[in-house]
């Protein structure tokens, strides 16, 4: 008989992968080819950050790396650079998941915001060092700001759409292991 805890974790991983595939698919659709006023948010990054802070066991580092590497290839970014930065950012957030349980949502939002801004600045610096043509730092930071504005919506979608909530401090699973 299957272990219910392992089944829940693997189900969460499958749901994350399905959500990521849906976000990538929608992003690839040619809705409007004219440049707009605001850049589109990186919804996959917002969902991944929110998921990491709610159920880190559902999104292992290999899954995040695979999803974002596929995004690098599909969206014609330098292969592996944004993937590496996202992996470092999500591992930073994963290491602070216990702390994030005790934070209010505005503080969690500020923590995620500072990590995403640092990731954006880091990517811009690396691209500038190697003379890779890219958007200006201002445009990249505007993209990050729009992503941060969407973060509460991503959290709400995970909470009310998928029932994914933060573990309470000291919460344990059915086998008595801390979440």
N, C-alpha and C. Protein backbone atom coordinates (compact mmCIF):
# COMPACT_ATOMS: atom_id res chain seq x y z
N UNK A 1 0.84 -1.17 0.00
CA UNK A 1 0.00 0.00 0.00
C UNK A 1 0.89 1.24 0.00
N UNK A 2 0.48 2.25 -0.68
CA UNK A 2 1.27 3.47 -0.82
C UNK A 2 1.28 4.27 0.47
N UNK A 3 2.42 4.87 0.73
CA UNK A 3 2.56 5.75 1.89
C UNK A 3 1.78 7.04 1.61
N UNK A 4 0.83 7.41 2.50
CA UNK A 4 0.02 8.61 2.20
C UNK A 4 0.82 9.90 2.19
N UNK A 5 1.88 9.98 2.99
CA UNK A 5 2.71 11.20 3.00
C UNK A 5 3.46 11.33 1.69
N UNK A 6 4.08 10.23 1.24
CA UNK A 6 4.82 10.25 -0.03
C UNK A 6 3.88 10.51 -1.19
N UNK A 7 2.67 9.94 -1.12
CA UNK A 7 1.69 10.18 -2.18
C UNK A 7 1.30 11.65 -2.24
N UNK A 8 1.14 12.29 -1.08
CA UNK A 8 0.79 13.71 -1.04
C UNK A 8 1.92 14.56 -1.62
N UNK A 9 3.17 14.21 -1.29
CA UNK A 9 4.31 14.96 -1.81
C UNK A 9 4.41 14.80 -3.33
N UNK A 10 4.27 13.58 -3.83
CA UNK A 10 4.38 13.37 -5.27
C UNK A 10 3.19 13.98 -6.01
N UNK A 11 2.03 14.00 -5.38
CA UNK A 11 0.89 14.67 -5.98
C UNK A 11 1.15 16.17 -6.07
N UNK A 12 1.72 16.75 -5.02
CA UNK A 12 2.07 18.16 -5.02
C UNK A 12 3.08 18.48 -6.11
N UNK A 13 4.05 17.60 -6.31
CA UNK A 13 5.04 17.80 -7.37
C UNK A 13 4.38 17.74 -8.74
N UNK A 14 3.47 16.81 -8.91
CA UNK A 14 2.75 16.72 -10.18
C UNK A 14 1.89 17.93 -10.45
N UNK A 15 1.24 18.43 -9.41
CA UNK A 15 0.40 19.62 -9.57
C UNK A 15 1.28 20.83 -9.90
N UNK A 16 2.44 20.96 -9.22
CA UNK A 16 3.35 22.06 -9.54
C UNK A 16 3.78 21.99 -11.00
N UNK A 17 4.13 20.80 -11.45
CA UNK A 17 4.56 20.63 -12.84
C UNK A 17 3.44 20.98 -13.81
N UNK A 18 2.21 20.59 -13.49
CA UNK A 18 1.06 20.91 -14.35
C UNK A 18 0.80 22.42 -14.37
N UNK A 19 0.89 23.06 -13.21
CA UNK A 19 0.70 24.51 -13.15
C UNK A 19 1.81 25.22 -13.94
N UNK A 20 3.04 24.76 -13.80
CA UNK A 20 4.16 25.35 -14.54
C UNK A 20 3.96 25.17 -16.04
N UNK A 21 3.53 24.00 -16.46
CA UNK A 21 3.30 23.75 -17.89
C UNK A 21 2.18 24.65 -18.42
N UNK A 22 1.14 24.86 -17.63
CA UNK A 22 0.04 25.73 -18.05
C UNK A 22 0.52 27.18 -18.18
N UNK A 23 1.31 27.64 -17.22
CA UNK A 23 1.83 29.01 -17.28
C UNK A 23 2.73 29.20 -18.49
N UNK A 24 3.60 28.22 -18.75
CA UNK A 24 4.49 28.30 -19.91
C UNK A 24 3.68 28.30 -21.21
N UNK A 25 2.66 27.44 -21.27
CA UNK A 25 1.83 27.36 -22.47
C UNK A 25 1.13 28.68 -22.74
N UNK A 26 0.53 29.27 -21.71
CA UNK A 26 -0.18 30.54 -21.88
C UNK A 26 0.80 31.64 -22.28
N UNK A 27 1.99 31.61 -21.72
CA UNK A 27 2.97 32.64 -22.04
C UNK A 27 3.46 32.53 -23.49
N UNK A 28 3.42 31.33 -24.04
CA UNK A 28 3.85 31.13 -25.43
C UNK A 28 2.78 31.53 -26.45
N UNK A 29 1.54 31.66 -26.00
CA UNK A 29 0.47 32.02 -26.92
C UNK A 29 0.64 33.45 -27.42
N UNK A 30 0.41 33.67 -28.69
CA UNK A 30 0.59 35.02 -29.26
C UNK A 30 -0.65 35.90 -29.07
N UNK A 31 -0.86 36.40 -27.86
CA UNK A 31 -2.03 37.23 -27.61
C UNK A 31 -1.92 38.58 -28.29
N UNK A 32 -0.82 39.27 -28.08
CA UNK A 32 -0.65 40.61 -28.64
C UNK A 32 0.84 40.81 -28.88
N UNK A 33 1.21 41.12 -30.09
CA UNK A 33 2.62 41.24 -30.41
C UNK A 33 3.14 42.68 -30.28
N UNK A 34 2.25 43.63 -30.03
CA UNK A 34 2.69 45.01 -29.86
C UNK A 34 3.26 45.21 -28.47
N UNK A 35 4.28 46.05 -28.35
CA UNK A 35 4.81 46.30 -27.01
C UNK A 35 3.79 47.06 -26.17
N UNK A 36 3.67 46.68 -24.92
CA UNK A 36 2.70 47.31 -24.03
C UNK A 36 3.35 48.32 -23.11
N UNK A 37 2.54 48.86 -22.24
CA UNK A 37 3.04 49.84 -21.28
C UNK A 37 3.86 49.17 -20.18
N UNK A 38 3.36 48.07 -19.67
CA UNK A 38 4.05 47.35 -18.60
C UNK A 38 4.47 45.98 -19.10
N UNK A 39 5.63 45.51 -18.65
CA UNK A 39 6.00 44.14 -19.01
C UNK A 39 5.13 43.13 -18.27
N UNK A 40 4.95 41.99 -18.88
CA UNK A 40 4.16 40.94 -18.24
C UNK A 40 4.92 40.39 -17.03
N UNK A 41 4.21 40.02 -15.98
CA UNK A 41 4.89 39.48 -14.80
C UNK A 41 5.41 38.07 -15.07
N UNK A 42 6.41 37.70 -14.31
CA UNK A 42 6.92 36.33 -14.38
C UNK A 42 6.09 35.51 -13.38
N UNK A 43 4.94 35.08 -13.85
CA UNK A 43 4.00 34.37 -12.98
C UNK A 43 4.58 33.06 -12.47
N UNK A 44 5.38 32.39 -13.29
CA UNK A 44 6.00 31.13 -12.85
C UNK A 44 6.94 31.36 -11.67
N UNK A 45 7.69 32.43 -11.70
CA UNK A 45 8.58 32.75 -10.59
C UNK A 45 7.79 33.08 -9.32
N UNK A 46 6.70 33.83 -9.46
CA UNK A 46 5.88 34.17 -8.30
C UNK A 46 5.24 32.92 -7.70
N UNK A 47 4.73 32.04 -8.54
CA UNK A 47 4.12 30.80 -8.06
C UNK A 47 5.16 29.91 -7.39
N UNK A 48 6.34 29.83 -7.99
CA UNK A 48 7.41 29.00 -7.42
C UNK A 48 7.84 29.52 -6.05
N UNK A 49 8.02 30.83 -5.92
CA UNK A 49 8.41 31.41 -4.64
C UNK A 49 7.33 31.18 -3.59
N UNK A 50 6.07 31.36 -3.97
CA UNK A 50 4.98 31.13 -3.02
C UNK A 50 4.90 29.66 -2.62
N UNK A 51 5.10 28.76 -3.58
CA UNK A 51 5.03 27.32 -3.30
C UNK A 51 6.16 26.89 -2.38
N UNK A 52 7.35 27.43 -2.61
CA UNK A 52 8.51 27.10 -1.77
C UNK A 52 8.25 27.46 -0.31
N UNK A 53 7.60 28.61 -0.09
CA UNK A 53 7.36 29.06 1.27
C UNK A 53 6.16 28.37 1.91
N UNK A 54 5.36 27.65 1.13
CA UNK A 54 4.23 26.95 1.69
C UNK A 54 4.51 25.45 1.86
N UNK A 55 4.98 24.81 0.84
CA UNK A 55 5.28 23.38 0.90
C UNK A 55 6.58 23.11 0.16
N UNK A 56 7.73 23.30 0.81
CA UNK A 56 9.01 23.14 0.11
C UNK A 56 9.29 21.72 -0.37
N UNK A 57 8.69 20.72 0.25
CA UNK A 57 8.93 19.34 -0.19
C UNK A 57 8.29 19.06 -1.55
N UNK A 58 7.31 19.85 -1.94
CA UNK A 58 6.63 19.63 -3.21
C UNK A 58 7.45 20.10 -4.40
N UNK A 59 8.39 21.00 -4.18
CA UNK A 59 9.18 21.54 -5.30
C UNK A 59 10.67 21.37 -5.01
N UNK A 60 11.21 20.19 -5.31
CA UNK A 60 12.64 19.98 -5.09
C UNK A 60 13.46 20.80 -6.09
N UNK A 61 14.71 20.97 -5.75
CA UNK A 61 15.59 21.82 -6.56
C UNK A 61 15.72 21.30 -7.99
N UNK A 62 15.73 20.01 -8.18
CA UNK A 62 15.83 19.45 -9.54
C UNK A 62 14.63 19.78 -10.40
N UNK A 63 13.46 19.78 -9.80
CA UNK A 63 12.24 20.11 -10.53
C UNK A 63 12.24 21.59 -10.94
N UNK A 64 12.65 22.45 -10.01
CA UNK A 64 12.73 23.88 -10.31
C UNK A 64 13.76 24.12 -11.42
N UNK A 65 14.91 23.47 -11.31
CA UNK A 65 15.95 23.65 -12.33
C UNK A 65 15.46 23.16 -13.69
N UNK A 66 14.80 22.04 -13.73
CA UNK A 66 14.29 21.52 -15.00
C UNK A 66 13.25 22.43 -15.63
N UNK A 67 12.32 22.91 -14.82
CA UNK A 67 11.26 23.79 -15.35
C UNK A 67 11.85 25.09 -15.88
N UNK A 68 12.74 25.70 -15.11
CA UNK A 68 13.29 26.98 -15.55
C UNK A 68 14.31 26.83 -16.68
N UNK A 69 14.96 25.68 -16.79
CA UNK A 69 15.84 25.44 -17.93
C UNK A 69 15.02 25.30 -19.21
N UNK A 70 13.89 24.64 -19.11
CA UNK A 70 12.98 24.56 -20.27
C UNK A 70 12.51 25.97 -20.64
N UNK A 71 12.21 26.79 -19.63
CA UNK A 71 11.81 28.19 -19.90
C UNK A 71 12.93 28.95 -20.59
N UNK A 72 14.16 28.75 -20.15
CA UNK A 72 15.29 29.42 -20.80
C UNK A 72 15.35 29.06 -22.28
N UNK A 73 15.16 27.82 -22.59
CA UNK A 73 15.22 27.39 -23.98
C UNK A 73 14.04 27.92 -24.79
N UNK A 74 12.84 27.85 -24.23
CA UNK A 74 11.66 28.28 -24.96
C UNK A 74 11.59 29.80 -25.14
N UNK A 75 12.06 30.54 -24.17
CA UNK A 75 11.96 32.00 -24.23
C UNK A 75 13.25 32.65 -24.72
N UNK A 76 14.18 31.83 -25.22
CA UNK A 76 15.41 32.29 -25.85
C UNK A 76 16.26 33.17 -24.95
N UNK A 77 16.37 32.76 -23.69
CA UNK A 77 17.27 33.44 -22.76
C UNK A 77 18.60 32.70 -22.76
N UNK A 78 19.66 33.31 -22.22
CA UNK A 78 20.92 32.57 -22.12
C UNK A 78 20.71 31.29 -21.32
N UNK A 79 20.97 30.14 -21.90
CA UNK A 79 20.63 28.87 -21.24
C UNK A 79 21.35 28.68 -19.91
N UNK A 80 20.57 28.51 -18.89
CA UNK A 80 21.08 28.18 -17.58
C UNK A 80 21.32 29.35 -16.66
N UNK A 81 21.46 30.56 -17.17
CA UNK A 81 21.76 31.69 -16.29
C UNK A 81 20.59 32.00 -15.37
N UNK A 82 19.42 32.25 -15.95
CA UNK A 82 18.27 32.56 -15.11
C UNK A 82 17.89 31.34 -14.26
N UNK A 83 18.11 30.14 -14.79
CA UNK A 83 17.85 28.93 -14.03
C UNK A 83 18.71 28.88 -12.77
N UNK A 84 20.00 29.15 -12.92
CA UNK A 84 20.90 29.16 -11.78
C UNK A 84 20.48 30.22 -10.77
N UNK A 85 20.15 31.39 -11.24
CA UNK A 85 19.75 32.48 -10.33
C UNK A 85 18.47 32.12 -9.60
N UNK A 86 17.50 31.54 -10.31
CA UNK A 86 16.24 31.14 -9.66
C UNK A 86 16.49 30.03 -8.65
N UNK A 87 17.34 29.07 -8.99
CA UNK A 87 17.65 27.99 -8.04
C UNK A 87 18.29 28.56 -6.77
N UNK A 88 19.24 29.49 -6.94
CA UNK A 88 19.86 30.11 -5.77
C UNK A 88 18.84 30.89 -4.95
N UNK A 89 17.96 31.62 -5.62
CA UNK A 89 16.94 32.42 -4.92
C UNK A 89 15.95 31.52 -4.18
N UNK A 90 15.50 30.46 -4.84
CA UNK A 90 14.53 29.58 -4.18
C UNK A 90 15.17 28.78 -3.05
N UNK A 91 16.44 28.43 -3.19
CA UNK A 91 17.10 27.74 -2.08
C UNK A 91 17.31 28.68 -0.90
N UNK A 92 17.55 29.95 -1.18
CA UNK A 92 17.62 30.95 -0.11
C UNK A 92 16.28 31.04 0.61
N UNK A 93 15.20 31.06 -0.16
CA UNK A 93 13.86 31.11 0.45
C UNK A 93 13.54 29.81 1.18
N UNK A 94 13.95 28.68 0.61
CA UNK A 94 13.69 27.39 1.26
C UNK A 94 14.39 27.32 2.62
N UNK A 95 15.59 27.87 2.69
CA UNK A 95 16.33 27.85 3.96
C UNK A 95 15.66 28.72 5.01
N UNK A 96 14.86 29.69 4.58
CA UNK A 96 14.17 30.57 5.51
C UNK A 96 12.69 30.26 5.63
N UNK A 97 12.28 29.09 5.19
CA UNK A 97 10.87 28.71 5.23
C UNK A 97 10.37 28.64 6.66
N UNK A 98 11.18 28.16 7.58
CA UNK A 98 10.77 28.11 8.99
C UNK A 98 10.54 29.50 9.55
N UNK A 99 11.41 30.42 9.19
CA UNK A 99 11.24 31.81 9.61
C UNK A 99 10.00 32.42 8.97
N UNK A 100 9.75 32.08 7.72
CA UNK A 100 8.62 32.67 7.00
C UNK A 100 7.29 32.22 7.59
N UNK A 101 7.25 31.09 8.27
CA UNK A 101 6.02 30.64 8.91
C UNK A 101 5.54 31.63 9.96
N UNK A 102 6.50 32.27 10.61
CA UNK A 102 6.17 33.17 11.70
C UNK A 102 5.98 34.61 11.25
N UNK A 103 6.27 34.89 9.99
CA UNK A 103 6.15 36.25 9.47
C UNK A 103 4.72 36.54 9.04
N UNK A 104 4.34 37.79 9.14
CA UNK A 104 3.07 38.20 8.56
C UNK A 104 3.24 38.25 7.05
N UNK A 105 2.12 38.32 6.33
CA UNK A 105 2.23 38.31 4.87
C UNK A 105 3.01 39.50 4.32
N UNK A 106 2.81 40.73 4.82
CA UNK A 106 3.61 41.83 4.26
C UNK A 106 5.12 41.63 4.44
N UNK A 107 5.53 41.03 5.54
CA UNK A 107 6.96 40.76 5.73
C UNK A 107 7.44 39.65 4.81
N UNK A 108 6.61 38.65 4.60
CA UNK A 108 6.95 37.59 3.65
C UNK A 108 7.09 38.18 2.25
N UNK A 109 6.17 39.05 1.90
CA UNK A 109 6.18 39.71 0.59
C UNK A 109 7.45 40.54 0.42
N UNK A 110 7.84 41.24 1.48
CA UNK A 110 9.07 42.04 1.44
C UNK A 110 10.30 41.14 1.29
N UNK A 111 10.30 40.00 1.98
CA UNK A 111 11.42 39.07 1.87
C UNK A 111 11.53 38.53 0.44
N UNK A 112 10.41 38.11 -0.11
CA UNK A 112 10.41 37.60 -1.49
C UNK A 112 10.81 38.72 -2.45
N UNK A 113 10.32 39.92 -2.20
CA UNK A 113 10.66 41.06 -3.05
C UNK A 113 12.15 41.35 -3.05
N UNK A 114 12.76 41.33 -1.88
CA UNK A 114 14.20 41.60 -1.82
C UNK A 114 14.99 40.52 -2.52
N UNK A 115 14.56 39.28 -2.41
CA UNK A 115 15.25 38.18 -3.09
C UNK A 115 15.11 38.32 -4.61
N UNK A 116 13.90 38.65 -5.07
CA UNK A 116 13.70 38.78 -6.52
C UNK A 116 14.43 39.99 -7.09
N UNK A 117 14.49 41.07 -6.35
CA UNK A 117 15.24 42.24 -6.81
C UNK A 117 16.73 41.91 -6.87
N UNK A 118 17.23 41.22 -5.86
CA UNK A 118 18.64 40.81 -5.88
C UNK A 118 18.92 39.88 -7.06
N UNK A 119 17.99 38.98 -7.36
CA UNK A 119 18.16 38.07 -8.50
C UNK A 119 18.19 38.85 -9.82
N UNK A 120 17.31 39.83 -9.95
CA UNK A 120 17.26 40.63 -11.17
C UNK A 120 18.53 41.45 -11.35
N UNK A 121 18.98 42.08 -10.29
CA UNK A 121 20.21 42.87 -10.36
C UNK A 121 21.40 41.96 -10.66
N UNK A 122 21.44 40.80 -10.03
CA UNK A 122 22.52 39.85 -10.29
C UNK A 122 22.55 39.40 -11.74
N UNK A 123 21.37 39.10 -12.30
CA UNK A 123 21.33 38.69 -13.71
C UNK A 123 21.79 39.84 -14.61
N UNK A 124 21.34 41.05 -14.32
CA UNK A 124 21.75 42.20 -15.14
C UNK A 124 23.26 42.43 -15.08
N UNK A 125 23.82 42.27 -13.89
CA UNK A 125 25.28 42.43 -13.75
C UNK A 125 26.04 41.37 -14.53
N UNK A 126 25.61 40.14 -14.42
CA UNK A 126 26.30 39.05 -15.14
C UNK A 126 26.20 39.26 -16.65
N UNK A 127 25.01 39.65 -17.11
CA UNK A 127 24.86 39.89 -18.55
C UNK A 127 25.71 41.07 -19.00
N UNK A 128 25.83 42.10 -18.16
CA UNK A 128 26.66 43.26 -18.51
C UNK A 128 28.14 42.91 -18.52
N UNK A 129 28.58 42.08 -17.57
CA UNK A 129 29.98 41.69 -17.50
C UNK A 129 30.41 40.96 -18.77
N UNK A 130 29.52 40.11 -19.29
CA UNK A 130 29.85 39.33 -20.47
C UNK A 130 29.34 39.96 -21.77
N UNK A 131 28.91 41.22 -21.69
CA UNK A 131 28.47 41.99 -22.86
C UNK A 131 27.37 41.29 -23.65
N UNK A 132 26.45 40.67 -22.94
CA UNK A 132 25.31 40.03 -23.58
C UNK A 132 24.22 41.08 -23.75
N UNK A 133 23.72 41.26 -24.95
CA UNK A 133 22.66 42.26 -25.13
C UNK A 133 21.42 41.86 -24.34
N UNK A 134 20.90 42.80 -23.59
CA UNK A 134 19.71 42.53 -22.78
C UNK A 134 18.97 43.83 -22.54
N UNK A 135 17.84 43.70 -21.89
CA UNK A 135 17.06 44.88 -21.53
C UNK A 135 17.83 45.68 -20.49
N UNK A 136 17.50 46.95 -20.39
CA UNK A 136 18.19 47.79 -19.41
C UNK A 136 17.80 47.35 -18.00
N UNK A 137 18.59 47.77 -17.04
CA UNK A 137 18.32 47.42 -15.64
C UNK A 137 16.97 47.97 -15.21
N UNK A 138 16.62 49.15 -15.70
CA UNK A 138 15.33 49.75 -15.35
C UNK A 138 14.16 48.91 -15.82
N UNK A 139 14.24 48.40 -17.05
CA UNK A 139 13.18 47.55 -17.58
C UNK A 139 13.12 46.23 -16.81
N UNK A 140 14.28 45.68 -16.48
CA UNK A 140 14.32 44.43 -15.72
C UNK A 140 13.73 44.63 -14.33
N UNK A 141 14.04 45.76 -13.69
CA UNK A 141 13.47 46.03 -12.36
C UNK A 141 11.97 46.30 -12.44
N UNK A 142 11.51 46.91 -13.53
CA UNK A 142 10.07 47.11 -13.71
C UNK A 142 9.37 45.77 -13.87
N UNK A 143 9.99 44.86 -14.62
CA UNK A 143 9.46 43.50 -14.77
C UNK A 143 9.37 42.82 -13.41
N UNK A 144 10.40 42.99 -12.57
CA UNK A 144 10.39 42.40 -11.23
C UNK A 144 9.32 43.04 -10.36
N UNK A 145 9.16 44.34 -10.47
CA UNK A 145 8.12 45.03 -9.69
C UNK A 145 6.73 44.53 -10.06
N UNK A 146 6.48 44.34 -11.35
CA UNK A 146 5.18 43.81 -11.78
C UNK A 146 5.00 42.39 -11.25
N UNK A 147 6.07 41.60 -11.25
CA UNK A 147 6.01 40.25 -10.69
C UNK A 147 5.68 40.31 -9.20
N UNK A 148 6.27 41.25 -8.49
CA UNK A 148 5.99 41.39 -7.06
C UNK A 148 4.55 41.83 -6.81
N UNK A 149 4.01 42.63 -7.69
CA UNK A 149 2.61 43.04 -7.54
C UNK A 149 1.65 41.87 -7.76
N UNK A 150 2.08 40.89 -8.54
CA UNK A 150 1.26 39.72 -8.81
C UNK A 150 1.43 38.65 -7.72
N UNK A 151 2.49 38.74 -6.93
CA UNK A 151 2.78 37.73 -5.91
C UNK A 151 1.59 37.47 -4.97
N UNK A 152 0.90 38.49 -4.44
CA UNK A 152 -0.26 38.19 -3.59
C UNK A 152 -1.36 37.42 -4.32
N UNK A 153 -1.52 37.68 -5.61
CA UNK A 153 -2.51 36.93 -6.38
C UNK A 153 -2.09 35.47 -6.53
N UNK A 154 -0.79 35.24 -6.71
CA UNK A 154 -0.29 33.87 -6.81
C UNK A 154 -0.50 33.13 -5.49
N UNK A 155 -0.23 33.82 -4.38
CA UNK A 155 -0.44 33.21 -3.06
C UNK A 155 -1.92 32.90 -2.86
N UNK A 156 -2.80 33.83 -3.24
CA UNK A 156 -4.23 33.60 -3.09
C UNK A 156 -4.70 32.44 -3.97
N UNK A 157 -4.17 32.36 -5.18
CA UNK A 157 -4.55 31.26 -6.07
C UNK A 157 -4.10 29.91 -5.49
N UNK A 158 -2.91 29.88 -4.92
CA UNK A 158 -2.44 28.63 -4.31
C UNK A 158 -3.28 28.29 -3.08
N UNK A 159 -3.61 29.29 -2.30
CA UNK A 159 -4.35 29.05 -1.05
C UNK A 159 -5.79 28.63 -1.33
N UNK A 160 -6.48 29.40 -2.16
CA UNK A 160 -7.90 29.15 -2.36
C UNK A 160 -8.19 28.22 -3.54
N UNK A 161 -7.30 28.19 -4.51
CA UNK A 161 -7.50 27.31 -5.65
C UNK A 161 -7.01 25.90 -5.41
N UNK A 162 -5.85 25.77 -4.77
CA UNK A 162 -5.25 24.45 -4.55
C UNK A 162 -5.22 24.04 -3.08
N UNK A 163 -5.63 24.93 -2.19
CA UNK A 163 -5.64 24.60 -0.76
C UNK A 163 -4.25 24.53 -0.16
N UNK A 164 -3.30 25.17 -0.77
CA UNK A 164 -1.91 25.14 -0.31
C UNK A 164 -1.69 26.29 0.66
N UNK A 165 -1.44 25.98 1.91
CA UNK A 165 -1.25 27.02 2.92
C UNK A 165 0.08 26.81 3.60
N UNK A 166 0.50 27.85 4.32
CA UNK A 166 1.74 27.72 5.10
C UNK A 166 1.50 26.78 6.26
N UNK A 167 2.52 26.00 6.55
CA UNK A 167 2.44 25.15 7.73
C UNK A 167 2.54 26.02 8.97
N UNK A 168 1.75 25.71 9.96
CA UNK A 168 1.79 26.47 11.21
C UNK A 168 3.08 26.13 11.95
N UNK A 169 3.59 27.04 12.77
CA UNK A 169 4.80 26.73 13.54
C UNK A 169 4.57 25.49 14.40
N UNK A 170 5.46 24.50 14.26
CA UNK A 170 5.36 23.28 15.04
C UNK A 170 4.40 22.24 14.46
N UNK A 171 3.80 22.50 13.31
CA UNK A 171 2.85 21.56 12.69
C UNK A 171 3.59 20.31 12.24
N UNK A 172 2.95 19.16 12.43
CA UNK A 172 3.55 17.89 12.05
C UNK A 172 2.62 17.17 11.09
N UNK A 173 3.19 16.20 10.34
CA UNK A 173 2.39 15.41 9.45
C UNK A 173 1.81 14.21 10.20
N UNK A 174 1.21 13.26 9.49
CA UNK A 174 0.56 12.11 10.12
C UNK A 174 1.55 11.20 10.84
N UNK A 175 2.83 11.23 10.45
CA UNK A 175 3.84 10.39 11.09
C UNK A 175 4.59 11.12 12.19
N UNK A 176 4.19 12.36 12.49
CA UNK A 176 4.84 13.11 13.55
C UNK A 176 6.08 13.88 13.12
N UNK A 177 6.37 13.91 11.83
CA UNK A 177 7.51 14.67 11.33
C UNK A 177 7.11 16.12 11.18
N UNK A 178 8.04 17.03 11.50
CA UNK A 178 7.75 18.46 11.37
C UNK A 178 7.65 18.83 9.91
N UNK A 179 6.70 19.69 9.60
CA UNK A 179 6.53 20.17 8.23
C UNK A 179 7.40 21.38 7.99
